[in-house]
Amino acid sequence: MAINKEKKKKIVSEVSEVVKDADSVVFVNFHGLPVADTTILRKTLKGQGIGYLVSKKTLAKRALSEAKIEGALPVMEGELALAYGKDLIAPAREVYAFQKKYPNLIQIIGGIFEKRYMNKEEMTDIAAIPTLQVLYGQVVNLINSPIQQFVMALGQIAKSKE
């Protein structure tokens, strides 16, 4: 469906605003994702404070070319959406979680992280970073592990002396 010039200008300005304001942007290929699942994705992202904007690739490229971003723009295949937010990791993590549910219907194809273009593999690595609560738990477990082993060793010594 053809888009008139005013609509194109509006889309370019929206993408420009997203890129300028967001700390992290994930380029998503959602080709083949049913509308019902897209609605679920949008609601999930919105609940996490993450925006989701669908754009034509040519219009997105036009807006991205105006932005001052380091690196090379990743190859954009399929239908393009932008997941963005103020959290550096949350957009990538949430899209990646949805990608696990629907592996052939939605995928991360790149993104912008700290004002630098990232390719598919780099954004997937960023998405694999655990949440802050999980990291806190891992640190506590790391600190607690030697103490637990020491107590278990003392318990074994006490058993052997009985």
C-alpha atoms as a PDB file:
ATOM      1  CA  MET A   1       0.000   0.000   0.000  1.00  0.00           C
ATOM      2  CA  ALA A   2       1.396   3.382  -1.014  1.00  0.00           C
ATOM      3  CA  ILE A   3       2.077   5.949   1.683  1.00  0.00           C
ATOM      4  CA  ASN A   4       1.667   9.661   1.023  1.00  0.00           C
ATOM      5  CA  LYS A   5       4.517  12.122   1.649  1.00  0.00           C
ATOM      6  CA  GLU A   6       3.089  13.453   4.907  1.00  0.00           C
ATOM      7  CA  LYS A   7       2.837   9.953   6.344  1.00  0.00           C
ATOM      8  CA  LYS A   8       6.400   9.186   5.215  1.00  0.00           C
ATOM      9  CA  LYS A   9       7.700  12.352   6.871  1.00  0.00           C
ATOM     10  CA  LYS A  10       5.857  11.426  10.052  1.00  0.00           C
ATOM     11  CA  ILE A  11       7.374   7.922  10.097  1.00  0.00           C
ATOM     12  CA  VAL A  12      10.891   9.277   9.459  1.00  0.00           C
ATOM     13  CA  SER A  13      10.487  11.809  12.276  1.00  0.00           C
ATOM     14  CA  GLU A  14       9.157   9.093  14.644  1.00  0.00           C
ATOM     15  CA  VAL A  15      12.128   6.828  13.894  1.00  0.00           C
ATOM     16  CA  SER A  16      14.505   9.787  14.328  1.00  0.00           C
ATOM     17  CA  GLU A  17      12.958  10.585  17.727  1.00  0.00           C
ATOM     18  CA  VAL A  18      13.189   6.937  18.798  1.00  0.00           C
ATOM     19  CA  VAL A  19      16.862   6.738  17.845  1.00  0.00           C
ATOM     20  CA  LYS A  20      17.663  10.071  19.488  1.00  0.00           C
ATOM     21  CA  ASP A  21      15.832   9.408  22.779  1.00  0.00           C
ATOM     22  CA  ALA A  22      16.368   5.675  23.333  1.00  0.00           C
ATOM     23  CA  ASP A  23      19.457   4.227  24.966  1.00  0.00           C
ATOM     24  CA  SER A  24      18.993   0.928  23.158  1.00  0.00           C
ATOM     25  CA  VAL A  25      17.196   0.055  19.915  1.00  0.00           C
ATOM     26  CA  VAL A  26      16.675  -3.467  18.579  1.00  0.00           C
ATOM     27  CA  PHE A  27      15.915  -4.097  14.906  1.00  0.00           C
ATOM     28  CA  VAL A  28      13.354  -6.894  14.681  1.00  0.00           C
ATOM     29  CA  ASN A  29      12.279  -8.979  11.690  1.00  0.00           C
ATOM     30  CA  PHE A  30       8.715 -10.070  12.432  1.00  0.00           C
ATOM     31  CA  HIS A  31       7.861 -11.608   9.054  1.00  0.00           C
ATOM     32  CA  GLY A  32       5.148 -14.232   9.438  1.00  0.00           C
ATOM     33  CA  LEU A  33       4.227 -13.383  13.028  1.00  0.00           C
ATOM     34  CA  PRO A  34       0.430 -13.565  13.387  1.00  0.00           C
ATOM     35  CA  VAL A  35      -1.421 -10.430  14.455  1.00  0.00           C
ATOM     36  CA  ALA A  36      -2.573 -12.020  17.720  1.00  0.00           C
ATOM     37  CA  ASP A  37       1.034 -12.815  18.682  1.00  0.00           C
ATOM     38  CA  THR A  38       2.151  -9.336  17.626  1.00  0.00           C
ATOM     39  CA  THR A  39      -0.458  -7.889  19.983  1.00  0.00           C
ATOM     40  CA  ILE A  40       0.859 -10.068  22.814  1.00  0.00           C
ATOM     41  CA  LEU A  41       4.403  -8.917  22.012  1.00  0.00           C
ATOM     42  CA  ARG A  42       3.371  -5.258  22.051  1.00  0.00           C
ATOM     43  CA  LYS A  43       1.568  -5.636  25.396  1.00  0.00           C
ATOM     44  CA  THR A  44       4.511  -7.479  26.931  1.00  0.00           C
ATOM     45  CA  LEU A  45       6.969  -4.855  25.742  1.00  0.00           C
ATOM     46  CA  LYS A  46       4.743  -1.994  26.879  1.00  0.00           C
ATOM     47  CA  GLY A  47       4.472  -3.578  30.337  1.00  0.00           C
ATOM     48  CA  GLN A  48       8.285  -3.489  30.549  1.00  0.00           C
ATOM     49  CA  GLY A  49       8.475   0.160  29.428  1.00  0.00           C
ATOM     50  CA  ILE A  50       9.684  -0.744  25.951  1.00  0.00           C
ATOM     51  CA  GLY A  51       8.323   0.884  22.804  1.00  0.00           C
ATOM     52  CA  TYR A  52       7.627  -0.968  19.551  1.00  0.00           C
ATOM     53  CA  LEU A  53       7.463   0.825  16.218  1.00  0.00           C
ATOM     54  CA  VAL A  54       6.905  -0.742  12.795  1.00  0.00           C
ATOM     55  CA  SER A  55       8.506   1.060   9.866  1.00  0.00           C
ATOM     56  CA  LYS A  56       9.350   0.576   6.219  1.00  0.00           C
ATOM     57  CA  LYS A  57      13.030  -0.259   5.811  1.00  0.00           C
ATOM     58  CA  THR A  58      13.692   2.598   3.396  1.00  0.00           C
ATOM     59  CA  LEU A  59      12.161   5.151   5.750  1.00  0.00           C
ATOM     60  CA  ALA A  60      14.019   3.739   8.739  1.00  0.00           C
ATOM     61  CA  LYS A  61      17.302   3.817   6.806  1.00  0.00           C
ATOM     62  CA  ARG A  62      16.642   7.441   5.865  1.00  0.00           C
ATOM     63  CA  ALA A  63      16.112   8.370   9.525  1.00  0.00           C
ATOM     64  CA  LEU A  64      19.112   6.336  10.656  1.00  0.00           C
ATOM     65  CA  SER A  65      21.378   7.943   8.063  1.00  0.00           C
ATOM     66  CA  GLU A  66      20.570  11.343   9.603  1.00  0.00           C
ATOM     67  CA  ALA A  67      21.465  10.133  13.099  1.00  0.00           C
ATOM     68  CA  LYS A  68      25.077  10.210  14.192  1.00  0.00           C
ATOM     69  CA  ILE A  69      25.662   6.554  15.014  1.00  0.00           C
ATOM     70  CA  GLU A  70      29.033   4.804  14.867  1.00  0.00           C
ATOM     71  CA  GLY A  71      29.633   1.683  12.808  1.00  0.00           C
ATOM     72  CA  ALA A  72      27.907   0.129   9.836  1.00  0.00           C
ATOM     73  CA  LEU A  73      24.160  -0.347   9.604  1.00  0.00           C
ATOM     74  CA  PRO A  74      23.342  -4.075   9.820  1.00  0.00           C
ATOM     75  CA  VAL A  75      21.569  -5.794   6.941  1.00  0.00           C
ATOM     76  CA  MET A  76      17.810  -5.477   7.428  1.00  0.00           C
ATOM     77  CA  GLU A  77      15.892  -8.439   6.088  1.00  0.00           C
ATOM     78  CA  GLY A  78      12.149  -9.013   6.132  1.00  0.00           C
ATOM     79  CA  GLU A  79       9.660  -6.713   7.788  1.00  0.00           C
ATOM     80  CA  LEU A  80      11.193  -4.193  10.173  1.00  0.00           C
ATOM     81  CA  ALA A  81      10.158  -3.127  13.646  1.00  0.00           C
ATOM     82  CA  LEU A  82      12.104  -1.207  16.261  1.00  0.00           C
ATOM     83  CA  ALA A  83      11.971  -2.170  19.926  1.00  0.00           C
ATOM     84  CA  TYR A  84      13.437   0.625  22.035  1.00  0.00           C
ATOM     85  CA  GLY A  85      13.750   1.855  25.576  1.00  0.00           C
ATOM     86  CA  LYS A  86      15.775   3.702  28.189  1.00  0.00           C
ATOM     87  CA  ASP A  87      17.099   0.457  29.665  1.00  0.00           C
ATOM     88  CA  LEU A  88      20.170  -0.711  27.750  1.00  0.00           C
ATOM     89  CA  ILE A  89      19.412  -4.421  27.883  1.00  0.00           C
ATOM     90  CA  ALA A  90      15.640  -4.784  28.355  1.00  0.00           C
ATOM     91  CA  PRO A  91      14.539  -4.303  24.704  1.00  0.00           C
ATOM     92  CA  ALA A  92      16.957  -6.953  23.439  1.00  0.00           C
ATOM     93  CA  ARG A  93      16.174  -9.326  26.319  1.00  0.00           C
ATOM     94  CA  GLU A  94      12.396  -9.128  25.874  1.00  0.00           C
ATOM     95  CA  VAL A  95      12.517  -9.555  22.094  1.00  0.00           C
ATOM     96  CA  TYR A  96      14.935 -12.464  22.534  1.00  0.00           C
ATOM     97  CA  ALA A  97      12.570 -14.131  25.014  1.00  0.00           C
ATOM     98  CA  PHE A  98       9.751 -13.809  22.487  1.00  0.00           C
ATOM     99  CA  GLN A  99      12.089 -15.092  19.768  1.00  0.00           C
ATOM    100  CA  LYS A 100      12.602 -18.278  21.801  1.00  0.00           C
ATOM    101  CA  LYS A 101       8.824 -18.879  21.779  1.00  0.00           C
ATOM    102  CA  TYR A 102       8.481 -18.251  18.029  1.00  0.00           C
ATOM    103  CA  PRO A 103      11.926 -19.049  16.545  1.00  0.00           C
ATOM    104  CA  ASN A 104      11.014 -18.862  12.856  1.00  0.00           C
ATOM    105  CA  LEU A 105       8.565 -15.962  13.053  1.00  0.00           C
ATOM    106  CA  ILE A 106      10.499 -13.229  14.860  1.00  0.00           C
ATOM    107  CA  GLN A 107      14.205 -12.568  15.144  1.00  0.00           C
ATOM    108  CA  ILE A 108      16.683  -9.911  16.150  1.00  0.00           C
ATOM    109  CA  ILE A 109      18.533  -8.621  13.081  1.00  0.00           C
ATOM    110  CA  GLY A 110      20.690  -5.959  14.733  1.00  0.00           C
ATOM    111  CA  GLY A 111      20.367  -2.822  16.745  1.00  0.00           C
ATOM    112  CA  ILE A 112      21.864   0.257  18.319  1.00  0.00           C
ATOM    113  CA  PHE A 113      23.618  -0.027  21.677  1.00  0.00           C
ATOM    114  CA  GLU A 114      25.310   2.981  23.288  1.00  0.00           C
ATOM    115  CA  LYS A 115      25.055   4.984  20.032  1.00  0.00           C
ATOM    116  CA  ARG A 116      26.792   2.237  18.025  1.00  0.00           C
ATOM    117  CA  TYR A 117      25.361  -0.171  15.463  1.00  0.00           C
ATOM    118  CA  MET A 118      25.442  -3.808  16.477  1.00  0.00           C
ATOM    119  CA  ASN A 119      24.941  -6.840  14.263  1.00  0.00           C
ATOM    120  CA  LYS A 120      22.648  -9.796  14.941  1.00  0.00           C
ATOM    121  CA  GLU A 121      25.184 -11.794  16.967  1.00  0.00           C
ATOM    122  CA  GLU A 122      26.202  -8.863  19.151  1.00  0.00           C
ATOM    123  CA  MET A 123      22.592  -7.966  19.957  1.00  0.00           C
ATOM    124  CA  THR A 124      21.827 -11.608  20.744  1.00  0.00           C
ATOM    125  CA  ASP A 125      24.781 -11.652  23.155  1.00  0.00           C
ATOM    126  CA  ILE A 126      23.458  -8.499  24.814  1.00  0.00           C
ATOM    127  CA  ALA A 127      20.018 -10.117  25.091  1.00  0.00           C
ATOM    128  CA  ALA A 128      21.553 -13.091  26.910  1.00  0.00           C
ATOM    129  CA  ILE A 129      22.775 -10.895  29.796  1.00  0.00           C
ATOM    130  CA  PRO A 130      20.715 -11.841  32.885  1.00  0.00           C
ATOM    131  CA  THR A 131      18.548  -9.367  34.769  1.00  0.00           C
ATOM    132  CA  LEU A 132      19.990  -7.407  37.665  1.00  0.00           C
ATOM    133  CA  GLN A 133      18.125  -9.560  40.205  1.00  0.00           C
ATOM    134  CA  VAL A 134      19.599 -12.751  38.695  1.00  0.00           C
ATOM    135  CA  LEU A 135      23.080 -11.234  38.794  1.00  0.00           C
ATOM    136  CA  TYR A 136      22.580 -10.306  42.476  1.00  0.00           C
ATOM    137  CA  GLY A 137      21.538 -13.893  43.169  1.00  0.00           C
ATOM    138  CA  GLN A 138      24.614 -15.230  41.390  1.00  0.00           C
ATOM    139  CA  VAL A 139      26.910 -12.971  43.436  1.00  0.00           C
ATOM    140  CA  VAL A 140      25.252 -14.028  46.706  1.00  0.00           C
ATOM    141  CA  ASN A 141      25.561 -17.682  45.681  1.00  0.00           C
ATOM    142  CA  LEU A 142      29.220 -17.141  44.811  1.00  0.00           C
ATOM    143  CA  ILE A 143      29.874 -15.603  48.231  1.00  0.00           C
ATOM    144  CA  ASN A 144      27.808 -18.229  50.049  1.00  0.00           C
ATOM    145  CA  SER A 145      29.347 -21.263  48.308  1.00  0.00           C
ATOM    146  CA  PRO A 146      32.702 -21.370  50.178  1.00  0.00           C
ATOM    147  CA  ILE A 147      30.922 -20.864  53.496  1.00  0.00           C
ATOM    148  CA  GLN A 148      28.564 -23.749  52.717  1.00  0.00           C
ATOM    149  CA  GLN A 149      31.444 -26.024  51.747  1.00  0.00           C
ATOM    150  CA  PHE A 150      33.316 -25.113  54.937  1.00  0.00           C
ATOM    151  CA  VAL A 151      30.262 -25.950  57.082  1.00  0.00           C
ATOM    152  CA  MET A 152      29.805 -29.253  55.230  1.00  0.00           C
ATOM    153  CA  ALA A 153      33.478 -30.113  55.804  1.00  0.00           C
ATOM    154  CA  LEU A 154      33.128 -29.334  59.532  1.00  0.00           C
ATOM    155  CA  GLY A 155      30.035 -31.559  59.624  1.00  0.00           C
ATOM    156  CA  GLN A 156      31.968 -34.437  58.041  1.00  0.00           C
ATOM    157  CA  ILE A 157      34.817 -33.990  60.522  1.00  0.00           C
ATOM    158  CA  ALA A 158      32.333 -34.038  63.420  1.00  0.00           C
ATOM    159  CA  LYS A 159      30.759 -37.249  62.050  1.00  0.00           C
ATOM    160  CA  SER A 160      34.109 -38.974  61.684  1.00  0.00           C
ATOM    161  CA  LYS A 161      35.086 -38.137  65.296  1.00  0.00           C
ATOM    162  CA  GLU A 162      31.913 -39.693  66.717  1.00  0.00           C
END
